[in-house]
Amino acid sequence: MIGILIGMLLSACASGAGTATGAGAPGLTDDERHRLYAAALSAIESPLESPSFKEVCQKIGVFDAQGNQNENYMAFVQAHVEWAMNGDTEPFRTEINSREKARAYLRNHLP
């Protein structure tokens, strides 16, 4: 699962960045933002093309209102790779280890 997530992250990085400013993610901790992003990646077969993935990215402050990557995106993805590689995230990865579980996580936690 972690290999799939890293592959998706690298693919996302290669797609380029948008140019609009991001509003950030008020009220969300860094850990919550990473959990939402990981769940969004896991919930959808082709996340980069998905409106729901774009919605999550907008809510966590890494996509602009038009659904394009903003200046926060690359730094967030780099931090996300580190977050995902941390052994402490294993229980969470188990919590979202299917598309259904990841979608349920998003339904329950997306602001």
PDB file of N, CA and C in Angstrom:
ATOM      1  N   MET A   1       0.832  -1.199   0.000  1.00  0.00           N
ATOM      2  CA  MET A   1       0.000   0.000   0.000  1.00  0.00           C
ATOM      3  C   MET A   1       0.868   1.250   0.000  1.00  0.00           C
ATOM      4  N   ILE A   2       1.922   1.259   0.828  1.00  0.00           N
ATOM      5  CA  ILE A   2       2.770   2.457   0.913  1.00  0.00           C
ATOM      6  C   ILE A   2       3.465   2.708  -0.422  1.00  0.00           C
ATOM      7  N   GLY A   3       3.835   1.644  -1.117  1.00  0.00           N
ATOM      8  CA  GLY A   3       4.469   1.816  -2.424  1.00  0.00           C
ATOM      9  C   GLY A   3       3.525   2.460  -3.419  1.00  0.00           C
ATOM     10  N   ILE A   4       2.257   2.081  -3.361  1.00  0.00           N
ATOM     11  CA  ILE A   4       1.253   2.678  -4.243  1.00  0.00           C
ATOM     12  C   ILE A   4       1.099   4.156  -3.926  1.00  0.00           C
ATOM     13  N   LEU A   5       1.036   4.480  -2.629  1.00  0.00           N
ATOM     14  CA  LEU A   5       0.888   5.880  -2.230  1.00  0.00           C
ATOM     15  C   LEU A   5       2.068   6.720  -2.690  1.00  0.00           C
ATOM     16  N   ILE A   6       3.278   6.200  -2.538  1.00  0.00           N
ATOM     17  CA  ILE A   6       4.463   6.950  -2.956  1.00  0.00           C
ATOM     18  C   ILE A   6       4.460   7.133  -4.467  1.00  0.00           C
ATOM     19  N   GLY A   7       4.076   6.090  -5.200  1.00  0.00           N
ATOM     20  CA  GLY A   7       3.989   6.215  -6.652  1.00  0.00           C
ATOM     21  C   GLY A   7       2.986   7.277  -7.065  1.00  0.00           C
ATOM     22  N   MET A   8       1.850   7.323  -6.383  1.00  0.00           N
ATOM     23  CA  MET A   8       0.840   8.326  -6.694  1.00  0.00           C
ATOM     24  C   MET A   8       1.349   9.722  -6.350  1.00  0.00           C
ATOM     25  N   LEU A   9       2.074   9.826  -5.259  1.00  0.00           N
ATOM     26  CA  LEU A   9       2.628  11.123  -4.869  1.00  0.00           C
ATOM     27  C   LEU A   9       3.624  11.615  -5.904  1.00  0.00           C
ATOM     28  N   LEU A  10       4.494  10.722  -6.351  1.00  0.00           N
ATOM     29  CA  LEU A  10       5.494  11.116  -7.337  1.00  0.00           C
ATOM     30  C   LEU A  10       4.834  11.503  -8.648  1.00  0.00           C
ATOM     31  N   SER A  11       3.787  10.791  -9.024  1.00  0.00           N
ATOM     32  CA  SER A  11       3.045  11.146 -10.224  1.00  0.00           C
ATOM     33  C   SER A  11       2.402  12.514 -10.079  1.00  0.00           C
ATOM     34  N   ALA A  12       1.862  12.778  -8.911  1.00  0.00           N
ATOM     35  CA  ALA A  12       1.236  14.078  -8.656  1.00  0.00           C
ATOM     36  C   ALA A  12       2.263  15.195  -8.746  1.00  0.00           C
ATOM     37  N   CYS A  13       3.451  14.959  -8.217  1.00  0.00           N
ATOM     38  CA  CYS A  13       4.506  15.974  -8.264  1.00  0.00           C
ATOM     39  C   CYS A  13       4.905  16.269  -9.702  1.00  0.00           C
ATOM     40  N   ALA A  14       4.931  15.242 -10.527  1.00  0.00           N
ATOM     41  CA  ALA A  14       5.373  15.419 -11.903  1.00  0.00           C
ATOM     42  C   ALA A  14       4.365  16.169 -12.753  1.00  0.00           C
ATOM     43  N   SER A  15       3.127  16.287 -12.269  1.00  0.00           N
ATOM     44  CA  SER A  15       2.097  16.912 -13.092  1.00  0.00           C
ATOM     45  C   SER A  15       2.174  18.431 -13.105  1.00  0.00           C
ATOM     46  N   GLY A  16       3.022  19.035 -12.295  1.00  0.00           N
ATOM     47  CA  GLY A  16       3.197  20.479 -12.314  1.00  0.00           C
ATOM     48  C   GLY A  16       2.379  21.170 -11.257  1.00  0.00           C
ATOM     49  N   ALA A  17       2.632  22.454 -11.046  1.00  0.00           N
ATOM     50  CA  ALA A  17       1.945  23.201  -9.999  1.00  0.00           C
ATOM     51  C   ALA A  17       1.180  24.356 -10.595  1.00  0.00           C
ATOM     52  N   GLY A  18       0.063  24.693  -9.951  1.00  0.00           N
ATOM     53  CA  GLY A  18      -0.725  25.859 -10.333  1.00  0.00           C
ATOM     54  C   GLY A  18      -0.065  27.120  -9.814  1.00  0.00           C
ATOM     55  N   THR A  19      -0.694  28.251 -10.074  1.00  0.00           N
ATOM     56  CA  THR A  19      -0.057  29.501  -9.705  1.00  0.00           C
ATOM     57  C   THR A  19      -0.859  30.348  -8.737  1.00  0.00           C
ATOM     58  N   ALA A  20      -2.058  29.932  -8.373  1.00  0.00           N
ATOM     59  CA  ALA A  20      -2.855  30.752  -7.459  1.00  0.00           C
ATOM     60  C   ALA A  20      -2.434  30.508  -6.021  1.00  0.00           C
ATOM     61  N   THR A  21      -2.758  31.449  -5.164  1.00  0.00           N
ATOM     62  CA  THR A  21      -2.396  31.310  -3.764  1.00  0.00           C
ATOM     63  C   THR A  21      -3.368  30.405  -3.048  1.00  0.00           C
ATOM     64  N   GLY A  22      -2.891  29.771  -1.974  1.00  0.00           N
ATOM     65  CA  GLY A  22      -3.740  28.892  -1.181  1.00  0.00           C
ATOM     66  C   GLY A  22      -4.141  29.572   0.110  1.00  0.00           C
ATOM     67  N   ALA A  23      -5.306  29.228   0.592  1.00  0.00           N
ATOM     68  CA  ALA A  23      -5.809  29.835   1.813  1.00  0.00           C
ATOM     69  C   ALA A  23      -5.363  29.086   3.047  1.00  0.00           C
ATOM     70  N   GLY A  24      -4.662  27.963   2.867  1.00  0.00           N
ATOM     71  CA  GLY A  24      -4.276  27.163   4.019  1.00  0.00           C
ATOM     72  C   GLY A  24      -5.428  26.281   4.447  1.00  0.00           C
ATOM     73  N   ALA A  25      -5.264  25.661   5.582  1.00  0.00           N
ATOM     74  CA  ALA A  25      -6.288  24.759   6.092  1.00  0.00           C
ATOM     75  C   ALA A  25      -6.603  25.118   7.532  1.00  0.00           C
ATOM     76  N   PRO A  26      -7.396  26.152   7.722  1.00  0.00           N
ATOM     77  CA  PRO A  26      -7.679  26.590   9.081  1.00  0.00           C
ATOM     78  C   PRO A  26      -8.349  25.487   9.890  1.00  0.00           C
ATOM     79  N   GLY A  27      -7.896  25.329  11.106  1.00  0.00           N
ATOM     80  CA  GLY A  27      -8.492  24.363  12.011  1.00  0.00           C
ATOM     81  C   GLY A  27      -7.980  22.947  11.889  1.00  0.00           C
ATOM     82  N   LEU A  28      -7.148  22.650  10.899  1.00  0.00           N
ATOM     83  CA  LEU A  28      -6.616  21.305  10.732  1.00  0.00           C
ATOM     84  C   LEU A  28      -5.157  21.261  11.172  1.00  0.00           C
ATOM     85  N   THR A  29      -4.802  20.214  11.903  1.00  0.00           N
ATOM     86  CA  THR A  29      -3.402  20.015  12.247  1.00  0.00           C
ATOM     87  C   THR A  29      -2.681  19.433  11.033  1.00  0.00           C
ATOM     88  N   ASP A  30      -1.357  19.447  11.059  1.00  0.00           N
ATOM     89  CA  ASP A  30      -0.599  18.826   9.968  1.00  0.00           C
ATOM     90  C   ASP A  30      -0.950  17.347   9.848  1.00  0.00           C
ATOM     91  N   ASP A  31      -1.072  16.661  10.980  1.00  0.00           N
ATOM     92  CA  ASP A  31      -1.408  15.239  10.950  1.00  0.00           C
ATOM     93  C   ASP A  31      -2.773  15.011  10.309  1.00  0.00           C
ATOM     94  N   GLU A  32      -3.748  15.838  10.632  1.00  0.00           N
ATOM     95  CA  GLU A  32      -5.080  15.711  10.029  1.00  0.00           C
ATOM     96  C   GLU A  32      -5.020  15.947   8.524  1.00  0.00           C
ATOM     97  N   ARG A  33      -4.244  16.922   8.100  1.00  0.00           N
ATOM     98  CA  ARG A  33      -4.104  17.199   6.671  1.00  0.00           C
ATOM     99  C   ARG A  33      -3.494  15.999   5.952  1.00  0.00           C
ATOM    100  N   HIS A  34      -2.455  15.401   6.545  1.00  0.00           N
ATOM    101  CA  HIS A  34      -1.814  14.233   5.929  1.00  0.00           C
ATOM    102  C   HIS A  34      -2.759  13.036   5.905  1.00  0.00           C
ATOM    103  N   ARG A  35      -3.527  12.852   6.947  1.00  0.00           N
ATOM    104  CA  ARG A  35      -4.490  11.747   6.975  1.00  0.00           C
ATOM    105  C   ARG A  35      -5.547  11.921   5.880  1.00  0.00           C
ATOM    106  N   LEU A  36      -6.058  13.122   5.738  1.00  0.00           N
ATOM    107  CA  LEU A  36      -7.056  13.379   4.697  1.00  0.00           C
ATOM    108  C   LEU A  36      -6.472  13.150   3.307  1.00  0.00           C
ATOM    109  N   TYR A  37      -5.254  13.614   3.099  1.00  0.00           N
ATOM    110  CA  TYR A  37      -4.595  13.448   1.796  1.00  0.00           C
ATOM    111  C   TYR A  37      -4.365  11.961   1.510  1.00  0.00           C
ATOM    112  N   ALA A  38      -3.879  11.216   2.501  1.00  0.00           N
ATOM    113  CA  ALA A  38      -3.652   9.782   2.322  1.00  0.00           C
ATOM    114  C   ALA A  38      -4.963   9.062   2.024  1.00  0.00           C
ATOM    115  N   ALA A  39      -6.012   9.420   2.732  1.00  0.00           N
ATOM    116  CA  ALA A  39      -7.310   8.793   2.493  1.00  0.00           C
ATOM    117  C   ALA A  39      -7.817   9.130   1.096  1.00  0.00           C
ATOM    118  N   ALA A  40      -7.624  10.372   0.663  1.00  0.00           N
ATOM    119  CA  ALA A  40      -8.055  10.760  -0.682  1.00  0.00           C
ATOM    120  C   ALA A  40      -7.296   9.977  -1.743  1.00  0.00           C
ATOM    121  N   LEU A  41      -6.019   9.766  -1.546  1.00  0.00           N
ATOM    122  CA  LEU A  41      -5.234   8.969  -2.495  1.00  0.00           C
ATOM    123  C   LEU A  41      -5.718   7.524  -2.529  1.00  0.00           C
ATOM    124  N   SER A  42      -6.106   7.006  -1.377  1.00  0.00           N
ATOM    125  CA  SER A  42      -6.531   5.609  -1.270  1.00  0.00           C
ATOM    126  C   SER A  42      -7.966   5.380  -1.716  1.00  0.00           C
ATOM    127  N   ALA A  43      -8.788   6.409  -1.680  1.00  0.00           N
ATOM    128  CA  ALA A  43     -10.219   6.255  -1.927  1.00  0.00           C
ATOM    129  C   ALA A  43     -10.582   6.144  -3.403  1.00  0.00           C
ATOM    130  N   ILE A  44      -9.690   6.578  -4.263  1.00  0.00           N
ATOM    131  CA  ILE A  44     -10.039   6.731  -5.675  1.00  0.00           C
ATOM    132  C   ILE A  44      -8.963   6.096  -6.544  1.00  0.00           C
ATOM    133  N   GLU A  45      -9.380   5.420  -7.602  1.00  0.00           N
ATOM    134  CA  GLU A  45      -8.417   4.759  -8.474  1.00  0.00           C
ATOM    135  C   GLU A  45      -7.529   5.750  -9.218  1.00  0.00           C
ATOM    136  N   SER A  46      -8.079   6.830  -9.715  1.00  0.00           N
ATOM    137  CA  SER A  46      -7.307   7.853 -10.421  1.00  0.00           C
ATOM    138  C   SER A  46      -7.495   9.189  -9.709  1.00  0.00           C
ATOM    139  N   PRO A  47      -6.849   9.383  -8.560  1.00  0.00           N
ATOM    140  CA  PRO A  47      -7.145  10.566  -7.747  1.00  0.00           C
ATOM    141  C   PRO A  47      -6.867  11.899  -8.422  1.00  0.00           C
ATOM    142  N   LEU A  48      -5.831  11.985  -9.229  1.00  0.00           N
ATOM    143  CA  LEU A  48      -5.480  13.281  -9.805  1.00  0.00           C
ATOM    144  C   LEU A  48      -6.551  13.830 -10.734  1.00  0.00           C
ATOM    145  N   GLU A  49      -7.397  12.960 -11.247  1.00  0.00           N
ATOM    146  CA  GLU A  49      -8.460  13.385 -12.151  1.00  0.00           C
ATOM    147  C   GLU A  49      -9.807  13.484 -11.448  1.00  0.00           C
ATOM    148  N   SER A  50      -9.836  13.195 -10.171  1.00  0.00           N
ATOM    149  CA  SER A  50     -11.095  13.100  -9.444  1.00  0.00           C
ATOM    150  C   SER A  50     -11.502  14.415  -8.785  1.00  0.00           C
ATOM    151  N   PRO A  51     -12.755  14.813  -8.953  1.00  0.00           N
ATOM    152  CA  PRO A  51     -13.244  16.012  -8.263  1.00  0.00           C
ATOM    153  C   PRO A  51     -13.151  15.881  -6.742  1.00  0.00           C
ATOM    154  N   SER A  52     -13.381  14.678  -6.211  1.00  0.00           N
ATOM    155  CA  SER A  52     -13.316  14.524  -4.751  1.00  0.00           C
ATOM    156  C   SER A  52     -11.883  14.664  -4.242  1.00  0.00           C
ATOM    157  N   PHE A  53     -10.888  14.222  -5.007  1.00  0.00           N
ATOM    158  CA  PHE A  53      -9.492  14.414  -4.616  1.00  0.00           C
ATOM    159  C   PHE A  53      -9.168  15.908  -4.619  1.00  0.00           C
ATOM    160  N   LYS A  54      -9.631  16.602  -5.649  1.00  0.00           N
ATOM    161  CA  LYS A  54      -9.394  18.044  -5.725  1.00  0.00           C
ATOM    162  C   LYS A  54     -10.057  18.765  -4.558  1.00  0.00           C
ATOM    163  N   GLU A  55     -11.249  18.308  -4.172  1.00  0.00           N
ATOM    164  CA  GLU A  55     -11.940  18.921  -3.031  1.00  0.00           C
ATOM    165  C   GLU A  55     -11.120  18.764  -1.751  1.00  0.00           C
ATOM    166  N   VAL A  56     -10.596  17.560  -1.531  1.00  0.00           N
ATOM    167  CA  VAL A  56      -9.760  17.329  -0.343  1.00  0.00           C
ATOM    168  C   VAL A  56      -8.549  18.245  -0.396  1.00  0.00           C
ATOM    169  N   CYS A  57      -7.892  18.305  -1.543  1.00  0.00           N
ATOM    170  CA  CYS A  57      -6.690  19.142  -1.674  1.00  0.00           C
ATOM    171  C   CYS A  57      -7.005  20.619  -1.460  1.00  0.00           C
ATOM    172  N   GLN A  58      -8.175  21.057  -1.883  1.00  0.00           N
ATOM    173  CA  GLN A  58      -8.582  22.435  -1.626  1.00  0.00           C
ATOM    174  C   GLN A  58      -8.795  22.651  -0.124  1.00  0.00           C
ATOM    175  N   LYS A  59      -9.450  21.704   0.529  1.00  0.00           N
ATOM    176  CA  LYS A  59      -9.746  21.849   1.957  1.00  0.00           C
ATOM    177  C   LYS A  59      -8.487  21.822   2.816  1.00  0.00           C
ATOM    178  N   ILE A  60      -7.456  21.108   2.366  1.00  0.00           N
ATOM    179  CA  ILE A  60      -6.222  21.064   3.159  1.00  0.00           C
ATOM    180  C   ILE A  60      -5.241  22.160   2.739  1.00  0.00           C
ATOM    181  N   GLY A  61      -5.633  22.966   1.748  1.00  0.00           N
ATOM    182  CA  GLY A  61      -4.855  24.146   1.393  1.00  0.00           C
ATOM    183  C   GLY A  61      -3.733  23.950   0.403  1.00  0.00           C
ATOM    184  N   VAL A  62      -3.812  22.886  -0.432  1.00  0.00           N
ATOM    185  CA  VAL A  62      -2.737  22.670  -1.405  1.00  0.00           C
ATOM    186  C   VAL A  62      -3.206  22.797  -2.860  1.00  0.00           C
ATOM    187  N   PHE A  63      -4.508  23.014  -3.064  1.00  0.00           N
ATOM    188  CA  PHE A  63      -5.058  23.314  -4.383  1.00  0.00           C
ATOM    189  C   PHE A  63      -5.799  24.639  -4.280  1.00  0.00           C
ATOM    190  N   ASP A  64      -5.842  25.370  -5.388  1.00  0.00           N
ATOM    191  CA  ASP A  64      -6.579  26.635  -5.411  1.00  0.00           C
ATOM    192  C   ASP A  64      -8.064  26.362  -5.700  1.00  0.00           C
ATOM    193  N   ALA A  65      -8.842  27.416  -5.774  1.00  0.00           N
ATOM    194  CA  ALA A  65     -10.291  27.297  -5.972  1.00  0.00           C
ATOM    195  C   ALA A  65     -10.651  26.678  -7.322  1.00  0.00           C
ATOM    196  N   GLN A  66      -9.748  26.728  -8.288  1.00  0.00           N
ATOM    197  CA  GLN A  66      -9.989  26.133  -9.598  1.00  0.00           C
ATOM    198  C   GLN A  66      -9.568  24.662  -9.664  1.00  0.00           C
ATOM    199  N   GLY A  67      -9.048  24.130  -8.568  1.00  0.00           N
ATOM    200  CA  GLY A  67      -8.632  22.732  -8.538  1.00  0.00           C
ATOM    201  C   GLY A  67      -7.240  22.487  -9.059  1.00  0.00           C
ATOM    202  N   ASN A  68      -6.403  23.530  -9.041  1.00  0.00           N
ATOM    203  CA  ASN A  68      -5.014  23.404  -9.487  1.00  0.00           C
ATOM    204  C   ASN A  68      -4.075  23.458  -8.278  1.00  0.00           C
ATOM    205  N   GLN A  69      -2.960  22.782  -8.403  1.00  0.00           N
ATOM    206  CA  GLN A  69      -1.958  22.814  -7.340  1.00  0.00           C
ATOM    207  C   GLN A  69      -1.511  24.252  -7.109  1.00  0.00           C
ATOM    208  N   ASN A  70      -1.343  24.633  -5.840  1.00  0.00           N
ATOM    209  CA  ASN A  70      -0.858  25.970  -5.531  1.00  0.00           C
ATOM    210  C   ASN A  70       0.577  25.904  -5.014  1.00  0.00           C
ATOM    211  N   GLU A  71       1.103  27.020  -4.562  1.00  0.00           N
ATOM    212  CA  GLU A  71       2.507  27.080  -4.129  1.00  0.00           C
ATOM    213  C   GLU A  71       2.777  26.251  -2.885  1.00  0.00           C
ATOM    214  N   ASN A  72       1.754  25.808  -2.179  1.00  0.00           N
ATOM    215  CA  ASN A  72       1.939  24.979  -0.986  1.00  0.00           C
ATOM    216  C   ASN A  72       2.077  23.495  -1.317  1.00  0.00           C
ATOM    217  N   TYR A  73       1.700  23.109  -2.517  1.00  0.00           N
ATOM    218  CA  TYR A  73       1.569  21.698  -2.861  1.00  0.00           C
ATOM    219  C   TYR A  73       2.884  20.912  -2.774  1.00  0.00           C
ATOM    220  N   MET A  74       3.911  21.381  -3.429  1.00  0.00           N
ATOM    221  CA  MET A  74       5.165  20.611  -3.477  1.00  0.00           C
ATOM    222  C   MET A  74       5.749  20.400  -2.087  1.00  0.00           C
ATOM    223  N   ALA A  75       5.756  21.427  -1.265  1.00  0.00           N
ATOM    224  CA  ALA A  75       6.286  21.281   0.098  1.00  0.00           C
ATOM    225  C   ALA A  75       5.428  20.300   0.895  1.00  0.00           C
ATOM    226  N   PHE A  76       4.112  20.368   0.694  1.00  0.00           N
ATOM    227  CA  PHE A  76       3.228  19.443   1.405  1.00  0.00           C
ATOM    228  C   PHE A  76       3.497  18.004   0.974  1.00  0.00           C
ATOM    229  N   VAL A  77       3.631  17.763  -0.319  1.00  0.00           N
ATOM    230  CA  VAL A  77       3.871  16.404  -0.812  1.00  0.00           C
ATOM    231  C   VAL A  77       5.195  15.868  -0.275  1.00  0.00           C
ATOM    232  N   GLN A  78       6.221  16.709  -0.245  1.00  0.00           N
ATOM    233  CA  GLN A  78       7.500  16.276   0.323  1.00  0.00           C
ATOM    234  C   GLN A  78       7.326  15.899   1.791  1.00  0.00           C
ATOM    235  N   ALA A  79       6.612  16.720   2.540  1.00  0.00           N
ATOM    236  CA  ALA A  79       6.358  16.417   3.949  1.00  0.00           C
ATOM    237  C   ALA A  79       5.480  15.173   4.079  1.00  0.00           C
ATOM    238  N   HIS A  80       4.573  14.985   3.131  1.00  0.00           N
ATOM    239  CA  HIS A  80       3.679  13.823   3.188  1.00  0.00           C
ATOM    240  C   HIS A  80       4.447  12.521   2.990  1.00  0.00           C
ATOM    241  N   VAL A  81       5.413  12.525   2.107  1.00  0.00           N
ATOM    242  CA  VAL A  81       6.231  11.325   1.909  1.00  0.00           C
ATOM    243  C   VAL A  81       6.925  10.963   3.219  1.00  0.00           C
ATOM    244  N   GLU A  82       7.489  11.947   3.891  1.00  0.00           N
ATOM    245  CA  GLU A  82       8.123  11.694   5.192  1.00  0.00           C
ATOM    246  C   GLU A  82       7.096  11.187   6.196  1.00  0.00           C
ATOM    247  N   TRP A  83       5.936  11.821   6.240  1.00  0.00           N
ATOM    248  CA  TRP A  83       4.872  11.410   7.152  1.00  0.00           C
ATOM    249  C   TRP A  83       4.477   9.956   6.883  1.00  0.00           C
ATOM    250  N   ALA A  84       4.285   9.611   5.608  1.00  0.00           N
ATOM    251  CA  ALA A  84       3.843   8.268   5.236  1.00  0.00           C
ATOM    252  C   ALA A  84       4.886   7.203   5.559  1.00  0.00           C
ATOM    253  N   MET A  85       6.158   7.562   5.519  1.00  0.00           N
ATOM    254  CA  MET A  85       7.225   6.602   5.788  1.00  0.00           C
ATOM    255  C   MET A  85       7.429   6.370   7.288  1.00  0.00           C
ATOM    256  N   ASN A  86       6.869   7.229   8.115  1.00  0.00           N
ATOM    257  CA  ASN A  86       7.000   7.110   9.550  1.00  0.00           C
ATOM    258  C   ASN A  86       6.251   5.866  10.021  1.00  0.00           C
ATOM    259  N   GLY A  87       6.896   5.027  10.796  1.00  0.00           N
ATOM    260  CA  GLY A  87       6.275   3.806  11.301  1.00  0.00           C
ATOM    261  C   GLY A  87       5.044   4.058  12.146  1.00  0.00           C
ATOM    262  N   ASP A  88       4.924   5.241  12.711  1.00  0.00           N
ATOM    263  CA  ASP A  88       3.767   5.564  13.542  1.00  0.00           C
ATOM    264  C   ASP A  88       2.477   5.677  12.739  1.00  0.00           C
ATOM    265  N   THR A  89       2.582   5.760  11.419  1.00  0.00           N
ATOM    266  CA  THR A  89       1.379   5.892  10.593  1.00  0.00           C
ATOM    267  C   THR A  89       0.777   4.537  10.205  1.00  0.00           C
ATOM    268  N   GLU A  90       1.435   3.453  10.556  1.00  0.00           N
ATOM    269  CA  GLU A  90       0.942   2.118  10.198  1.00  0.00           C
ATOM    270  C   GLU A  90      -0.489   1.862  10.675  1.00  0.00           C
ATOM    271  N   PRO A  91      -0.857   2.188  11.912  1.00  0.00           N
ATOM    272  CA  PRO A  91      -2.252   1.965  12.319  1.00  0.00           C
ATOM    273  C   PRO A  91      -3.246   2.741  11.449  1.00  0.00           C
ATOM    274  N   PHE A  92      -2.877   3.946  11.061  1.00  0.00           N
ATOM    275  CA  PHE A  92      -3.773   4.713  10.192  1.00  0.00           C
ATOM    276  C   PHE A  92      -3.863   4.073   8.811  1.00  0.00           C
ATOM    277  N   ARG A  93      -2.743   3.651   8.266  1.00  0.00           N
ATOM    278  CA  ARG A  93      -2.773   3.003   6.948  1.00  0.00           C
ATOM    279  C   ARG A  93      -3.668   1.771   6.983  1.00  0.00           C
ATOM    280  N   THR A  94      -3.657   1.050   8.096  1.00  0.00           N
ATOM    281  CA  THR A  94      -4.541  -0.103   8.252  1.00  0.00           C
ATOM    282  C   THR A  94      -6.003   0.348   8.300  1.00  0.00           C
ATOM    283  N   GLU A  95      -6.236   1.483   8.921  1.00  0.00           N
ATOM    284  CA  GLU A  95      -7.596   2.033   9.039  1.00  0.00           C
ATOM    285  C   GLU A  95      -8.201   2.373   7.685  1.00  0.00           C
ATOM    286  N   ILE A  96      -7.365   2.718   6.710  1.00  0.00           N
ATOM    287  CA  ILE A  96      -7.864   3.108   5.375  1.00  0.00           C
ATOM    288  C   ILE A  96      -7.368   2.153   4.292  1.00  0.00           C
ATOM    289  N   ASN A  97      -7.209   0.861   4.626  1.00  0.00           N
ATOM    290  CA  ASN A  97      -6.574  -0.074   3.695  1.00  0.00           C
ATOM    291  C   ASN A  97      -7.488  -0.603   2.589  1.00  0.00           C
ATOM    292  N   SER A  98      -8.638  -0.011   2.418  1.00  0.00           N
ATOM    293  CA  SER A  98      -9.494  -0.323   1.267  1.00  0.00           C
ATOM    294  C   SER A  98     -10.139   0.984   0.801  1.00  0.00           C
ATOM    295  N   ARG A  99     -10.606   0.987  -0.430  1.00  0.00           N
ATOM    296  CA  ARG A  99     -11.259   2.197  -0.943  1.00  0.00           C
ATOM    297  C   ARG A  99     -12.475   2.563  -0.092  1.00  0.00           C
ATOM    298  N   GLU A 100     -13.224   1.542   0.323  1.00  0.00           N
ATOM    299  CA  GLU A 100     -14.414   1.797   1.137  1.00  0.00           C
ATOM    300  C   GLU A 100     -14.050   2.436   2.469  1.00  0.00           C
ATOM    301  N   LYS A 101     -13.007   1.921   3.115  1.00  0.00           N
ATOM    302  CA  LYS A 101     -12.577   2.478   4.405  1.00  0.00           C
ATOM    303  C   LYS A 101     -12.042   3.894   4.234  1.00  0.00           C
ATOM    304  N   ALA A 102     -11.319   4.127   3.155  1.00  0.00           N
ATOM    305  CA  ALA A 102     -10.771   5.470   2.902  1.00  0.00           C
ATOM    306  C   ALA A 102     -11.906   6.456   2.642  1.00  0.00           C
ATOM    307  N   ARG A 103     -12.906   6.041   1.871  1.00  0.00           N
ATOM    308  CA  ARG A 103     -14.054   6.913   1.610  1.00  0.00           C
ATOM    309  C   ARG A 103     -14.812   7.220   2.903  1.00  0.00           C
ATOM    310  N   ALA A 104     -14.968   6.201   3.741  1.00  0.00           N
ATOM    311  CA  ALA A 104     -15.653   6.408   5.029  1.00  0.00           C
ATOM    312  C   ALA A 104     -14.864   7.380   5.897  1.00  0.00           C
ATOM    313  N   TYR A 105     -13.541   7.270   5.878  1.00  0.00           N
ATOM    314  CA  TYR A 105     -12.720   8.202   6.649  1.00  0.00           C
ATOM    315  C   TYR A 105     -12.959   9.628   6.162  1.00  0.00           C
ATOM    316  N   LEU A 106     -12.977   9.813   4.867  1.00  0.00           N
ATOM    317  CA  LEU A 106     -13.204  11.151   4.310  1.00  0.00           C
ATOM    318  C   LEU A 106     -14.590  11.672   4.685  1.00  0.00           C
ATOM    319  N   ARG A 107     -15.607  10.818   4.591  1.00  0.00           N
ATOM    320  CA  ARG A 107     -16.958  11.245   4.963  1.00  0.00           C
ATOM    321  C   ARG A 107     -17.017  11.715   6.417  1.00  0.00           C
ATOM    322  N   ASN A 108     -16.272  11.036   7.275  1.00  0.00           N
ATOM    323  CA  ASN A 108     -16.329  11.318   8.706  1.00  0.00           C
ATOM    324  C   ASN A 108     -15.393  12.430   9.157  1.00  0.00           C
ATOM    325  N   HIS A 109     -14.371  12.778   8.356  1.00  0.00           N
ATOM    326  CA  HIS A 109     -13.353  13.700   8.827  1.00  0.00           C
ATOM    327  C   HIS A 109     -13.120  14.938   7.963  1.00  0.00           C
ATOM    328  N   LEU A 110     -13.636  14.947   6.754  1.00  0.00           N
ATOM    329  CA  LEU A 110     -13.409  16.097   5.883  1.00  0.00           C
ATOM    330  C   LEU A 110     -14.259  17.268   6.357  1.00  0.00           C
ATOM    331  N   PRO A 111     -13.622  18.406   6.638  1.00  0.00           N
ATOM    332  CA  PRO A 111     -14.401  19.561   7.128  1.00  0.00           C
ATOM    333  C   PRO A 111     -15.346  20.118   6.087  1.00  0.00           C
TER     334      PRO A 111
END
